[in-house]
Each structure stands twice: as structure tokens, then as C-alpha cells.
């Protein structure tokens, strides 16, 4: 699992890469805004497309 957060903490992106490791379905990307799920996608590109264009996010693997 990889985690990304916006600098203000309002956005969180969870990327479950276990499907990539075992060769099954690829990644599952869940996007949250203020703790509420706003999107689930099958690819990282689709998941990131729902984020605001000017949003600055960074990896936060402190919880993984």
C-alpha cells in the first residue's frame, strides 16, 4: 500500500499495489477528501485524474 497526501491534509490517495505483485488485476486507487471516499479507480492515472490540477501531493508512508 502506498499513501499520498495533500500538503493541507484534505486529500488522501491510497494505492493498493498487491494486484501488481501477484499479476492479477493491477492497482486499486482510492481517493478521499476530508475522510470521505470520492473515487475508486483501477489505474493510478484514473485515480489521479479526479484530483484538482494544482494540488500538491506527496508520499506519506508513515502508516504503511
C-alpha atoms as a PDB file:
ATOM      1  CA  UNK A   1       0.000   0.000   0.000  1.00  0.00           C
ATOM      2  CA  UNK A   2       1.298   3.444  -0.908  1.00  0.00           C
ATOM      3  CA  UNK A   3      -0.185   6.574   0.603  1.00  0.00           C
ATOM      4  CA  UNK A   4      -0.143  10.093  -0.768  1.00  0.00           C
ATOM      5  CA  UNK A   5      -1.471  13.176   0.983  1.00  0.00           C
ATOM      6  CA  UNK A   6      -2.027  16.767   0.016  1.00  0.00           C
ATOM      7  CA  UNK A   7       0.018  19.286   1.926  1.00  0.00           C
ATOM      8  CA  UNK A   8      -3.083  20.661   3.646  1.00  0.00           C
ATOM      9  CA  UNK A   9      -4.160  17.134   4.656  1.00  0.00           C
ATOM     10  CA  UNK A  10      -7.579  17.365   2.983  1.00  0.00           C
ATOM     11  CA  UNK A  11      -6.816  14.846   0.199  1.00  0.00           C
ATOM     12  CA  UNK A  12      -5.565  11.293   0.663  1.00  0.00           C
ATOM     13  CA  UNK A  13      -4.806   8.750  -2.053  1.00  0.00           C
ATOM     14  CA  UNK A  14      -4.384   5.065  -1.205  1.00  0.00           C
ATOM     15  CA  UNK A  15      -2.762   2.873  -3.839  1.00  0.00           C
ATOM     16  CA  UNK A  16      -3.073  -0.873  -3.281  1.00  0.00           C
ATOM     17  CA  UNK A  17      -0.401  -2.442  -5.473  1.00  0.00           C
ATOM     18  CA  UNK A  18      -0.886  -6.051  -4.340  1.00  0.00           C
ATOM     19  CA  UNK A  19      -2.538  -6.840  -7.701  1.00  0.00           C
ATOM     20  CA  UNK A  20       0.617  -5.741  -9.488  1.00  0.00           C
ATOM     21  CA  UNK A  21       2.752  -8.009  -7.355  1.00  0.00           C
ATOM     22  CA  UNK A  22       0.724 -11.162  -7.953  1.00  0.00           C
ATOM     23  CA  UNK A  23      -0.060 -10.406 -11.621  1.00  0.00           C
ATOM     24  CA  UNK A  24      -3.828 -10.244 -11.217  1.00  0.00           C
ATOM     25  CA  UNK A  25      -5.752  -7.013 -11.646  1.00  0.00           C
ATOM     26  CA  UNK A  26      -3.221  -4.220 -11.253  1.00  0.00           C
ATOM     27  CA  UNK A  27      -3.608  -1.371  -8.804  1.00  0.00           C
ATOM     28  CA  UNK A  28      -6.683  -0.183  -6.958  1.00  0.00           C
ATOM     29  CA  UNK A  29      -6.652   3.520  -6.206  1.00  0.00           C
ATOM     30  CA  UNK A  30      -8.976   5.074  -3.619  1.00  0.00           C
ATOM     31  CA  UNK A  31      -9.249   8.849  -3.344  1.00  0.00           C
ATOM     32  CA  UNK A  32     -10.566  10.544  -0.198  1.00  0.00           C
ATOM     33  CA  UNK A  33     -11.380  14.196   0.504  1.00  0.00           C
ATOM     34  CA  UNK A  34     -11.777  15.182   4.153  1.00  0.00           C
ATOM     35  CA  UNK A  35     -12.109  11.492   5.051  1.00  0.00           C
ATOM     36  CA  UNK A  36     -14.901  10.775   2.545  1.00  0.00           C
ATOM     37  CA  UNK A  37     -14.319   8.416  -0.380  1.00  0.00           C
ATOM     38  CA  UNK A  38     -14.792  10.331  -3.631  1.00  0.00           C
ATOM     39  CA  UNK A  39     -13.407   7.884  -6.196  1.00  0.00           C
ATOM     40  CA  UNK A  40     -12.122   4.374  -6.748  1.00  0.00           C
ATOM     41  CA  UNK A  41     -10.182   3.532  -9.876  1.00  0.00           C
ATOM     42  CA  UNK A  42      -8.438   0.562 -11.457  1.00  0.00           C
ATOM     43  CA  UNK A  43      -5.385   2.530 -12.534  1.00  0.00           C
ATOM     44  CA  UNK A  44      -3.203   5.161 -10.947  1.00  0.00           C
ATOM     45  CA  UNK A  45      -3.846   7.523 -13.870  1.00  0.00           C
ATOM     46  CA  UNK A  46      -7.623   7.283 -13.433  1.00  0.00           C
ATOM     47  CA  UNK A  47      -7.356   7.849  -9.700  1.00  0.00           C
ATOM     48  CA  UNK A  48      -5.106  10.879 -10.033  1.00  0.00           C
ATOM     49  CA  UNK A  49      -7.406  12.383 -12.696  1.00  0.00           C
ATOM     50  CA  UNK A  50     -10.054  13.206 -10.054  1.00  0.00           C
ATOM     51  CA  UNK A  51      -7.639  15.397  -8.069  1.00  0.00           C
ATOM     52  CA  UNK A  52      -7.585  19.176  -8.591  1.00  0.00           C
ATOM     53  CA  UNK A  53      -4.981  20.179 -11.212  1.00  0.00           C
ATOM     54  CA  UNK A  54      -2.952  22.449  -8.936  1.00  0.00           C
ATOM     55  CA  UNK A  55      -2.963  20.111  -5.917  1.00  0.00           C
ATOM     56  CA  UNK A  56       0.421  19.332  -4.411  1.00  0.00           C
ATOM     57  CA  UNK A  57       0.638  15.817  -3.010  1.00  0.00           C
ATOM     58  CA  UNK A  58       3.498  13.832  -1.564  1.00  0.00           C
ATOM     59  CA  UNK A  59       4.136  10.289  -0.406  1.00  0.00           C
ATOM     60  CA  UNK A  60       3.278   9.550   3.213  1.00  0.00           C
ATOM     61  CA  UNK A  61       4.307   6.023   4.054  1.00  0.00           C
ATOM     62  CA  UNK A  62       4.326   6.611   7.803  1.00  0.00           C
ATOM     63  CA  UNK A  63       1.167   4.491   8.168  1.00  0.00           C
ATOM     64  CA  UNK A  64       2.162   1.625   5.893  1.00  0.00           C
END
